[in-house]
Amino acid sequence: MFRSKRFILLIILIIAIIVCVMIRSIGHSTASSTVSEKSETTALPSVHITTPSVITAQTETAAAVQTEEPNADEPYVTLSRYEQIKERMKLLQESCPDFIGWLYVADSDMDLPVVQGSDNFYYLSHTPDGAYIKEGTIFLDCNNSPDLTDLHNILFGHNMSSGMFGDIRSYKNRDEFDKHRYGWFFTADKTYRIEFFALSIVSAYDMVYDISSDHSECLKQISDKAMYTSDLVPEESDRIISLSTCASDFENARALFSGILVPIENEEEIISQLK
C-alpha cells in the first residue's frame, strides 16, 4: 500500500517536471520570437530614414548644378561650360572635316555641333562623321560662308519632340520667347554671342532663304512675319543668324528664330563668375 502511494507520487512528480520543462521551453521560444520581431521593427525605420536622405541629397545636387548655369536671358556662360564646349570642338575638328562650330542656347536642347555640307540635304540624315542617323545634324546653309561673314547666316535643324530645334516650337509662347534672349556660336577661332530679336513664321520659298537677296528686304520680311520681336532692332550693317525649322502653321511653313551675331573680342567678358 505504502509502496503503491510512493509509486503514484513519483509518477506525479515526473509529470510535474515534464510540464515545467515544457512551459519554460514555450516561454523561451515566445521571448525569442518577440526579440526577433523587435529587431526587425527596429531595422525597418533605418531603411526608411536612409532612402529619403539619399534622394534629397541627389535632388539638391541636381538643383545646385542647374542654378550654376546662367539662364538664356543672361549674356554669359560659365567657364566650365566654355571649356567643355571647346574640348568637344577640338575632338570634332580632328575627325570631321565638315565641322564648323558649336551652337549653344541655355535652357534648351540646343547644345550641339554644326556642320556645313556641299548641299542642304546630306546632313538632314547624317552625323558629323558621316554615319546615317534620321535625326541628322544642325547645318549651315551650303551657300553661306563657313566663317559666318555673310549678312544673313541660316542654320537648319529638325523640329523634333526632343532635341535639335524642337524647343523653338515652345517659343510661340511669349514668356518662353522672352526667356531666350541670348545664344552662342563658337568656331575654332571666334566666339559669337547671338542676341535674338524675332521669331517669325515664313514660307520655305520666301526670300529670306536667298542668301544673295537684299539684306534690308530680308530684315523687313523677318520683321513683317514675326510672331514676336524684342526691343532690339537690327541695323542693316548687322550680321544675323537664323535658326530654321519646320512649322505646322501652314503648308511649307518654317519657324525662323533670328538674332544678331556679336563677335566677342575678349572672351573673359562673357565668362560668368559661377563655376
C-alpha atoms as a PDB file:
ATOM      1  CA  MET A   1       0.000   0.000   0.000  1.00  0.00           C
ATOM      2  CA  PHE A   2       2.743   2.376   1.023  1.00  0.00           C
ATOM      3  CA  ARG A   3       4.819   1.388  -1.985  1.00  0.00           C
ATOM      4  CA  SER A   4       1.854   1.986  -4.273  1.00  0.00           C
ATOM      5  CA  LYS A   5       1.457   5.521  -2.904  1.00  0.00           C
ATOM      6  CA  ARG A   6       5.160   6.225  -3.363  1.00  0.00           C
ATOM      7  CA  PHE A   7       4.947   4.978  -6.934  1.00  0.00           C
ATOM      8  CA  ILE A   8       1.950   7.216  -7.640  1.00  0.00           C
ATOM      9  CA  LEU A   9       3.711  10.249  -6.099  1.00  0.00           C
ATOM     10  CA  LEU A  10       6.803   9.538  -8.185  1.00  0.00           C
ATOM     11  CA  ILE A  11       4.746   9.461 -11.353  1.00  0.00           C
ATOM     12  CA  ILE A  12       3.029  12.756 -10.413  1.00  0.00           C
ATOM     13  CA  LEU A  13       6.445  14.343  -9.713  1.00  0.00           C
ATOM     14  CA  ILE A  14       7.803  13.217 -13.087  1.00  0.00           C
ATOM     15  CA  ILE A  15       4.726  14.569 -14.843  1.00  0.00           C
ATOM     16  CA  ALA A  16       5.108  17.914 -12.982  1.00  0.00           C
ATOM     17  CA  ILE A  17       8.764  18.144 -14.018  1.00  0.00           C
ATOM     18  CA  ILE A  18       7.869  17.465 -17.663  1.00  0.00           C
ATOM     19  CA  VAL A  19       5.127  20.099 -17.566  1.00  0.00           C
ATOM     20  CA  CYS A  20       7.529  22.682 -16.067  1.00  0.00           C
ATOM     21  CA  VAL A  21      10.123  21.966 -18.724  1.00  0.00           C
ATOM     22  CA  MET A  22       7.529  22.374 -21.480  1.00  0.00           C
ATOM     23  CA  ILE A  23       6.278  25.660 -20.016  1.00  0.00           C
ATOM     24  CA  ARG A  24       9.819  27.031 -19.801  1.00  0.00           C
ATOM     25  CA  SER A  25      10.542  25.914 -23.378  1.00  0.00           C
ATOM     26  CA  ILE A  26       7.395  27.623 -24.684  1.00  0.00           C
ATOM     27  CA  GLY A  27       8.211  30.787 -22.737  1.00  0.00           C
ATOM     28  CA  HIS A  28      11.765  30.925 -24.109  1.00  0.00           C
ATOM     29  CA  SER A  29      10.519  30.389 -27.660  1.00  0.00           C
ATOM     30  CA  THR A  30       7.966  33.206 -27.260  1.00  0.00           C
ATOM     31  CA  ALA A  31      10.603  35.534 -25.835  1.00  0.00           C
ATOM     32  CA  SER A  32      12.986  34.748 -28.721  1.00  0.00           C
ATOM     33  CA  SER A  33      10.214  35.438 -31.209  1.00  0.00           C
ATOM     34  CA  THR A  34       9.443  38.781 -29.543  1.00  0.00           C
ATOM     35  CA  VAL A  35      13.107  39.814 -29.621  1.00  0.00           C
ATOM     36  CA  SER A  36      13.302  38.876 -33.284  1.00  0.00           C
ATOM     37  CA  GLU A  37      10.189  40.906 -34.086  1.00  0.00           C
ATOM     38  CA  LYS A  38      11.565  43.888 -32.193  1.00  0.00           C
ATOM     39  CA  SER A  39      14.849  43.614 -34.065  1.00  0.00           C
ATOM     40  CA  GLU A  40      13.046  43.632 -37.427  1.00  0.00           C
ATOM     41  CA  THR A  41      10.859  46.540 -36.348  1.00  0.00           C
ATOM     42  CA  THR A  42      13.948  48.476 -35.316  1.00  0.00           C
ATOM     43  CA  ALA A  43      15.703  47.739 -38.611  1.00  0.00           C
ATOM     44  CA  LEU A  44      12.868  48.956 -40.865  1.00  0.00           C
ATOM     45  CA  PRO A  45      12.874  52.615 -39.789  1.00  0.00           C
ATOM     46  CA  SER A  46      16.609  52.860 -40.536  1.00  0.00           C
ATOM     47  CA  VAL A  47      15.897  51.871 -44.145  1.00  0.00           C
ATOM     48  CA  HIS A  48      13.107  54.438 -44.475  1.00  0.00           C
ATOM     49  CA  ILE A  49      15.293  57.140 -42.968  1.00  0.00           C
ATOM     50  CA  THR A  50      18.254  56.422 -45.248  1.00  0.00           C
ATOM     51  CA  THR A  51      16.392  56.333 -48.565  1.00  0.00           C
ATOM     52  CA  PRO A  52      14.827  59.826 -48.393  1.00  0.00           C
ATOM     53  CA  SER A  53      18.180  61.241 -47.313  1.00  0.00           C
ATOM     54  CA  VAL A  54      19.871  59.886 -50.450  1.00  0.00           C
ATOM     55  CA  ILE A  55      17.073  61.128 -52.719  1.00  0.00           C
ATOM     56  CA  THR A  56      17.107  64.564 -51.087  1.00  0.00           C
ATOM     57  CA  ALA A  57      20.874  64.823 -51.495  1.00  0.00           C
ATOM     58  CA  GLN A  58      20.655  63.863 -55.172  1.00  0.00           C
ATOM     59  CA  THR A  59      17.843  66.375 -55.770  1.00  0.00           C
ATOM     60  CA  GLU A  60      19.737  69.149 -54.032  1.00  0.00           C
ATOM     61  CA  THR A  61      22.885  68.357 -56.034  1.00  0.00           C
ATOM     62  CA  ALA A  62      20.957  68.390 -59.327  1.00  0.00           C
ATOM     63  CA  ALA A  63      19.302  71.684 -58.376  1.00  0.00           C
ATOM     64  CA  ALA A  64      22.682  73.177 -57.499  1.00  0.00           C
ATOM     65  CA  VAL A  65      24.099  72.171 -60.884  1.00  0.00           C
ATOM     66  CA  GLN A  66      21.115  73.696 -62.694  1.00  0.00           C
ATOM     67  CA  THR A  67      21.343  77.002 -60.851  1.00  0.00           C
ATOM     68  CA  GLU A  68      25.065  77.305 -61.571  1.00  0.00           C
ATOM     69  CA  GLU A  69      24.473  77.815 -65.302  1.00  0.00           C
ATOM     70  CA  PRO A  70      23.300  81.314 -66.392  1.00  0.00           C
ATOM     71  CA  ASN A  71      19.856  81.368 -67.990  1.00  0.00           C
ATOM     72  CA  ALA A  72      19.254  82.246 -71.634  1.00  0.00           C
ATOM     73  CA  ASP A  73      18.215  85.768 -70.650  1.00  0.00           C
ATOM     74  CA  GLU A  74      21.753  86.452 -69.405  1.00  0.00           C
ATOM     75  CA  PRO A  75      24.684  87.266 -71.760  1.00  0.00           C
ATOM     76  CA  TYR A  76      27.136  84.925 -70.036  1.00  0.00           C
ATOM     77  CA  VAL A  77      28.394  81.354 -69.991  1.00  0.00           C
ATOM     78  CA  THR A  78      30.270  79.604 -67.209  1.00  0.00           C
ATOM     79  CA  LEU A  79      33.970  78.891 -67.554  1.00  0.00           C
ATOM     80  CA  SER A  80      33.287  75.177 -67.130  1.00  0.00           C
ATOM     81  CA  ARG A  81      30.698  75.223 -69.941  1.00  0.00           C
ATOM     82  CA  TYR A  82      33.027  77.217 -72.189  1.00  0.00           C
ATOM     83  CA  GLU A  83      35.904  74.787 -71.615  1.00  0.00           C
ATOM     84  CA  GLN A  84      33.630  71.790 -72.125  1.00  0.00           C
ATOM     85  CA  ILE A  85      32.432  73.079 -75.497  1.00  0.00           C
ATOM     86  CA  LYS A  86      35.975  73.891 -76.591  1.00  0.00           C
ATOM     87  CA  GLU A  87      37.088  70.365 -75.717  1.00  0.00           C
ATOM     88  CA  ARG A  88      34.234  68.829 -77.712  1.00  0.00           C
ATOM     89  CA  MET A  89      35.048  71.074 -80.649  1.00  0.00           C
ATOM     90  CA  LYS A  90      38.672  70.022 -80.595  1.00  0.00           C
ATOM     91  CA  LEU A  91      37.701  66.373 -80.979  1.00  0.00           C
ATOM     92  CA  LEU A  92      35.331  67.130 -83.871  1.00  0.00           C
ATOM     93  CA  GLN A  93      37.843  69.342 -85.671  1.00  0.00           C
ATOM     94  CA  GLU A  94      40.273  66.443 -85.747  1.00  0.00           C
ATOM     95  CA  SER A  95      37.809  63.885 -87.103  1.00  0.00           C
ATOM     96  CA  CYS A  96      35.070  65.714 -89.053  1.00  0.00           C
ATOM     97  CA  PRO A  97      36.152  67.906 -91.986  1.00  0.00           C
ATOM     98  CA  ASP A  98      32.671  69.474 -92.374  1.00  0.00           C
ATOM     99  CA  PHE A  99      32.501  70.616 -88.750  1.00  0.00           C
ATOM    100  CA  ILE A 100      32.433  74.426 -88.484  1.00  0.00           C
ATOM    101  CA  GLY A 101      31.283  75.301 -84.962  1.00  0.00           C
ATOM    102  CA  TRP A 102      29.109  74.742 -81.921  1.00  0.00           C
ATOM    103  CA  LEU A 103      25.673  76.201 -81.150  1.00  0.00           C
ATOM    104  CA  TYR A 104      24.640  76.673 -77.538  1.00  0.00           C
ATOM    105  CA  VAL A 105      21.417  78.152 -76.128  1.00  0.00           C
ATOM    106  CA  ALA A 106      20.849  77.792 -72.385  1.00  0.00           C
ATOM    107  CA  ASP A 107      17.583  76.263 -71.111  1.00  0.00           C
ATOM    108  CA  SER A 108      17.163  74.276 -74.327  1.00  0.00           C
ATOM    109  CA  ASP A 109      18.361  71.179 -76.179  1.00  0.00           C
ATOM    110  CA  MET A 110      20.452  73.392 -78.444  1.00  0.00           C
ATOM    111  CA  ASP A 111      23.924  72.407 -77.296  1.00  0.00           C
ATOM    112  CA  LEU A 112      25.104  70.779 -80.495  1.00  0.00           C
ATOM    113  CA  PRO A 113      27.778  70.700 -83.220  1.00  0.00           C
ATOM    114  CA  VAL A 114      27.198  72.476 -86.512  1.00  0.00           C
ATOM    115  CA  VAL A 115      28.460  71.317 -89.914  1.00  0.00           C
ATOM    116  CA  GLN A 116      28.270  72.550 -93.494  1.00  0.00           C
ATOM    117  CA  GLY A 117      27.879  70.219 -96.441  1.00  0.00           C
ATOM    118  CA  SER A 118      28.060  70.702-100.172  1.00  0.00           C
ATOM    119  CA  ASP A 119      24.241  70.741-100.303  1.00  0.00           C
ATOM    120  CA  ASN A 120      21.313  71.253 -97.927  1.00  0.00           C
ATOM    121  CA  PHE A 121      20.213  67.606 -97.880  1.00  0.00           C
ATOM    122  CA  TYR A 122      23.025  65.335 -96.747  1.00  0.00           C
ATOM    123  CA  TYR A 123      23.102  66.409 -93.090  1.00  0.00           C
ATOM    124  CA  LEU A 124      19.354  66.086 -92.753  1.00  0.00           C
ATOM    125  CA  SER A 125      20.129  62.424 -92.081  1.00  0.00           C
ATOM    126  CA  HIS A 126      23.833  62.135 -91.222  1.00  0.00           C
ATOM    127  CA  THR A 127      26.116  62.717 -88.257  1.00  0.00           C
ATOM    128  CA  PRO A 128      29.225  64.931 -88.490  1.00  0.00           C
ATOM    129  CA  ASP A 129      31.366  61.849 -89.151  1.00  0.00           C
ATOM    130  CA  GLY A 130      29.105  60.662 -91.991  1.00  0.00           C
ATOM    131  CA  ALA A 131      27.089  57.935 -90.252  1.00  0.00           C
ATOM    132  CA  TYR A 132      23.406  57.649 -91.168  1.00  0.00           C
ATOM    133  CA  ILE A 133      21.001  58.896 -88.493  1.00  0.00           C
ATOM    134  CA  LYS A 134      17.428  60.049 -89.068  1.00  0.00           C
ATOM    135  CA  GLU A 135      17.839  62.962 -86.616  1.00  0.00           C
ATOM    136  CA  GLY A 136      20.603  64.434 -88.763  1.00  0.00           C
ATOM    137  CA  THR A 137      22.928  67.264 -87.672  1.00  0.00           C
ATOM    138  CA  ILE A 138      22.425  71.020 -87.463  1.00  0.00           C
ATOM    139  CA  PHE A 139      23.996  72.522 -90.578  1.00  0.00           C
ATOM    140  CA  LEU A 140      24.791  75.904 -92.076  1.00  0.00           C
ATOM    141  CA  ASP A 141      23.245  76.719 -95.459  1.00  0.00           C
ATOM    142  CA  CYS A 142      25.614  75.469 -98.131  1.00  0.00           C
ATOM    143  CA  ASN A 143      25.548  78.926 -99.777  1.00  0.00           C
ATOM    144  CA  ASN A 144      26.811  80.675 -96.651  1.00  0.00           C
ATOM    145  CA  SER A 145      30.446  81.359 -95.934  1.00  0.00           C
ATOM    146  CA  PRO A 146      31.642  78.871 -93.266  1.00  0.00           C
ATOM    147  CA  ASP A 147      33.137  81.696 -91.193  1.00  0.00           C
ATOM    148  CA  LEU A 148      29.715  83.399 -90.839  1.00  0.00           C
ATOM    149  CA  THR A 149      30.812  86.568 -92.630  1.00  0.00           C
ATOM    150  CA  ASP A 150      27.559  86.850 -94.631  1.00  0.00           C
ATOM    151  CA  LEU A 151      24.930  89.342 -93.513  1.00  0.00           C
ATOM    152  CA  HIS A 152      22.379  86.522 -93.153  1.00  0.00           C
ATOM    153  CA  ASN A 153      23.536  83.090 -91.963  1.00  0.00           C
ATOM    154  CA  ILE A 154      20.992  80.248 -91.775  1.00  0.00           C
ATOM    155  CA  LEU A 155      21.194  77.110 -89.635  1.00  0.00           C
ATOM    156  CA  PHE A 156      18.828  74.217 -90.360  1.00  0.00           C
ATOM    157  CA  GLY A 157      17.624  71.620 -87.851  1.00  0.00           C
ATOM    158  CA  HIS A 158      14.684  69.244 -87.475  1.00  0.00           C
ATOM    159  CA  ASN A 159      11.625  70.166 -85.417  1.00  0.00           C
ATOM    160  CA  MET A 160      11.824  67.198 -83.051  1.00  0.00           C
ATOM    161  CA  SER A 161       9.780  66.407 -79.952  1.00  0.00           C
ATOM    162  CA  SER A 162      13.056  66.338 -78.034  1.00  0.00           C
ATOM    163  CA  GLY A 163      16.351  67.649 -79.329  1.00  0.00           C
ATOM    164  CA  MET A 164      17.639  69.613 -82.342  1.00  0.00           C
ATOM    165  CA  PHE A 165      15.423  72.707 -82.960  1.00  0.00           C
ATOM    166  CA  GLY A 166      12.310  71.298 -81.296  1.00  0.00           C
ATOM    167  CA  ASP A 167      12.499  73.856 -78.486  1.00  0.00           C
ATOM    168  CA  ILE A 168      11.848  76.681 -80.956  1.00  0.00           C
ATOM    169  CA  ARG A 169       8.266  75.416 -81.129  1.00  0.00           C
ATOM    170  CA  SER A 170       7.774  76.420 -77.487  1.00  0.00           C
ATOM    171  CA  TYR A 171       8.921  79.987 -78.223  1.00  0.00           C
ATOM    172  CA  LYS A 172       5.485  80.623 -79.710  1.00  0.00           C
ATOM    173  CA  ASN A 173       4.665  81.198 -76.070  1.00  0.00           C
ATOM    174  CA  ARG A 174       5.595  84.824 -75.381  1.00  0.00           C
ATOM    175  CA  ASP A 175       7.067  84.052 -71.961  1.00  0.00           C
ATOM    176  CA  GLU A 176       9.377  81.406 -73.448  1.00  0.00           C
ATOM    177  CA  PHE A 177      10.401  83.753 -76.247  1.00  0.00           C
ATOM    178  CA  ASP A 178      11.309  86.442 -73.717  1.00  0.00           C
ATOM    179  CA  LYS A 179      13.332  83.983 -71.640  1.00  0.00           C
ATOM    180  CA  HIS A 180      15.580  83.094 -74.587  1.00  0.00           C
ATOM    181  CA  ARG A 181      17.350  86.316 -75.448  1.00  0.00           C
ATOM    182  CA  TYR A 182      20.894  85.011 -75.900  1.00  0.00           C
ATOM    183  CA  GLY A 183      22.693  82.131 -77.563  1.00  0.00           C
ATOM    184  CA  TRP A 184      26.269  81.351 -78.540  1.00  0.00           C
ATOM    185  CA  PHE A 185      28.120  80.231 -81.607  1.00  0.00           C
ATOM    186  CA  PHE A 186      31.696  79.029 -81.179  1.00  0.00           C
ATOM    187  CA  THR A 187      34.157  78.465 -84.017  1.00  0.00           C
ATOM    188  CA  ALA A 188      37.796  77.409 -83.908  1.00  0.00           C
ATOM    189  CA  ASP A 189      38.992  80.994 -83.574  1.00  0.00           C
ATOM    190  CA  LYS A 190      35.879  83.072 -82.846  1.00  0.00           C
ATOM    191  CA  THR A 191      33.135  83.344 -80.273  1.00  0.00           C
ATOM    192  CA  TYR A 192      29.830  84.994 -81.165  1.00  0.00           C
ATOM    193  CA  ARG A 193      27.034  85.998 -78.864  1.00  0.00           C
ATOM    194  CA  ILE A 194      23.624  85.683 -80.533  1.00  0.00           C
ATOM    195  CA  GLU A 195      21.165  88.375 -79.456  1.00  0.00           C
ATOM    196  CA  PHE A 196      17.770  87.038 -80.528  1.00  0.00           C
ATOM    197  CA  PHE A 197      15.262  89.623 -81.720  1.00  0.00           C
ATOM    198  CA  ALA A 198      12.471  87.823 -83.633  1.00  0.00           C
ATOM    199  CA  LEU A 199      10.501  84.616 -84.015  1.00  0.00           C
ATOM    200  CA  SER A 200       8.962  84.606 -87.492  1.00  0.00           C
ATOM    201  CA  ILE A 201       6.738  82.170 -89.358  1.00  0.00           C
ATOM    202  CA  VAL A 202       7.746  82.209 -93.023  1.00  0.00           C
ATOM    203  CA  SER A 203       7.425  80.045 -96.108  1.00  0.00           C
ATOM    204  CA  ALA A 204      10.221  77.745 -97.214  1.00  0.00           C
ATOM    205  CA  TYR A 205      10.116  79.672-100.504  1.00  0.00           C
ATOM    206  CA  ASP A 206      10.403  83.177 -99.047  1.00  0.00           C
ATOM    207  CA  MET A 207      13.277  85.445 -99.998  1.00  0.00           C
ATOM    208  CA  VAL A 208      14.802  85.170 -96.520  1.00  0.00           C
ATOM    209  CA  TYR A 209      16.296  81.878 -97.700  1.00  0.00           C
ATOM    210  CA  ASP A 210      18.009  83.559-100.633  1.00  0.00           C
ATOM    211  CA  ILE A 211      21.439  84.396 -99.238  1.00  0.00           C
ATOM    212  CA  SER A 212      22.136  86.810-102.097  1.00  0.00           C
ATOM    213  CA  SER A 213      18.946  88.839-101.542  1.00  0.00           C
ATOM    214  CA  ASP A 214      18.945  92.451-100.369  1.00  0.00           C
ATOM    215  CA  HIS A 215      19.674  92.464 -96.643  1.00  0.00           C
ATOM    216  CA  SER A 216      17.326  95.316 -95.815  1.00  0.00           C
ATOM    217  CA  GLU A 217      14.476  93.433 -97.536  1.00  0.00           C
ATOM    218  CA  CYS A 218      15.433  90.299 -95.644  1.00  0.00           C
ATOM    219  CA  LEU A 219      15.256  92.129 -92.309  1.00  0.00           C
ATOM    220  CA  LYS A 220      11.927  93.647 -93.282  1.00  0.00           C
ATOM    221  CA  GLN A 221      10.432  90.258 -94.114  1.00  0.00           C
ATOM    222  CA  ILE A 222      11.632  88.801 -90.808  1.00  0.00           C
ATOM    223  CA  SER A 223      10.021  91.745 -89.020  1.00  0.00           C
ATOM    224  CA  ASP A 224       6.782  91.707 -91.035  1.00  0.00           C
ATOM    225  CA  LYS A 225       6.253  87.979 -90.452  1.00  0.00           C
ATOM    226  CA  ALA A 226       7.321  87.970 -86.811  1.00  0.00           C
ATOM    227  CA  MET A 227       5.090  86.480 -84.150  1.00  0.00           C
ATOM    228  CA  TYR A 228       7.178  88.282 -81.546  1.00  0.00           C
ATOM    229  CA  THR A 229      10.046  90.737 -81.549  1.00  0.00           C
ATOM    230  CA  SER A 230      12.265  92.004 -78.767  1.00  0.00           C
ATOM    231  CA  ASP A 231      13.166  95.626 -78.121  1.00  0.00           C
ATOM    232  CA  LEU A 232      16.346  95.004 -80.118  1.00  0.00           C
ATOM    233  CA  VAL A 233      16.197  96.352 -83.678  1.00  0.00           C
ATOM    234  CA  PRO A 234      18.996  95.186 -86.011  1.00  0.00           C
ATOM    235  CA  GLU A 235      20.691  97.651 -88.314  1.00  0.00           C
ATOM    236  CA  GLU A 236      21.336  96.928 -91.969  1.00  0.00           C
ATOM    237  CA  SER A 237      25.039  96.505 -91.256  1.00  0.00           C
ATOM    238  CA  ASP A 238      24.436  93.862 -88.577  1.00  0.00           C
ATOM    239  CA  ARG A 239      25.201  90.265 -89.370  1.00  0.00           C
ATOM    240  CA  ILE A 240      22.375  87.999 -88.293  1.00  0.00           C
ATOM    241  CA  ILE A 241      21.915  84.280 -87.836  1.00  0.00           C
ATOM    242  CA  SER A 242      18.574  82.478 -88.151  1.00  0.00           C
ATOM    243  CA  LEU A 243      17.708  79.070 -86.730  1.00  0.00           C
ATOM    244  CA  SER A 244      15.273  77.499 -89.190  1.00  0.00           C
ATOM    245  CA  THR A 245      12.980  74.529 -88.617  1.00  0.00           C
ATOM    246  CA  CYS A 246       9.676  73.147 -89.893  1.00  0.00           C
ATOM    247  CA  ALA A 247       6.427  74.592 -88.558  1.00  0.00           C
ATOM    248  CA  SER A 248       2.822  73.390 -88.721  1.00  0.00           C
ATOM    249  CA  ASP A 249       1.158  76.784 -89.254  1.00  0.00           C
ATOM    250  CA  PHE A 250       0.568  76.132 -92.977  1.00  0.00           C
ATOM    251  CA  GLU A 251       1.985  74.053 -95.817  1.00  0.00           C
ATOM    252  CA  ASN A 252       5.761  74.549 -96.153  1.00  0.00           C
ATOM    253  CA  ALA A 253       5.779  76.800 -93.083  1.00  0.00           C
ATOM    254  CA  ARG A 254       9.077  77.422 -91.327  1.00  0.00           C
ATOM    255  CA  ALA A 255       9.838  78.894 -87.909  1.00  0.00           C
ATOM    256  CA  LEU A 256      12.750  81.311 -88.037  1.00  0.00           C
ATOM    257  CA  PHE A 257      14.396  82.289 -84.742  1.00  0.00           C
ATOM    258  CA  SER A 258      16.699  85.173 -85.636  1.00  0.00           C
ATOM    259  CA  GLY A 259      19.410  87.015 -83.767  1.00  0.00           C
ATOM    260  CA  ILE A 260      22.264  89.448 -84.251  1.00  0.00           C
ATOM    261  CA  LEU A 261      25.749  87.932 -84.373  1.00  0.00           C
ATOM    262  CA  VAL A 262      28.018  89.846 -81.995  1.00  0.00           C
ATOM    263  CA  PRO A 263      31.712  88.896 -82.228  1.00  0.00           C
ATOM    264  CA  ILE A 264      33.377  88.725 -78.821  1.00  0.00           C
ATOM    265  CA  GLU A 265      36.840  90.254 -78.766  1.00  0.00           C
ATOM    266  CA  ASN A 266      37.697  89.473 -75.153  1.00  0.00           C
ATOM    267  CA  GLU A 267      36.175  86.155 -74.162  1.00  0.00           C
ATOM    268  CA  GLU A 268      36.769  86.849 -70.480  1.00  0.00           C
ATOM    269  CA  GLU A 269      33.957  89.405 -70.702  1.00  0.00           C
ATOM    270  CA  ILE A 270      31.349  86.706 -71.290  1.00  0.00           C
ATOM    271  CA  ILE A 271      32.521  84.296 -68.586  1.00  0.00           C
ATOM    272  CA  SER A 272      30.179  84.227 -65.610  1.00  0.00           C
ATOM    273  CA  GLN A 273      31.600  84.234 -62.100  1.00  0.00           C
ATOM    274  CA  LEU A 274      29.717  80.985 -61.495  1.00  0.00           C
ATOM    275  CA  LYS A 275      31.916  77.876 -61.658  1.00  0.00           C
END
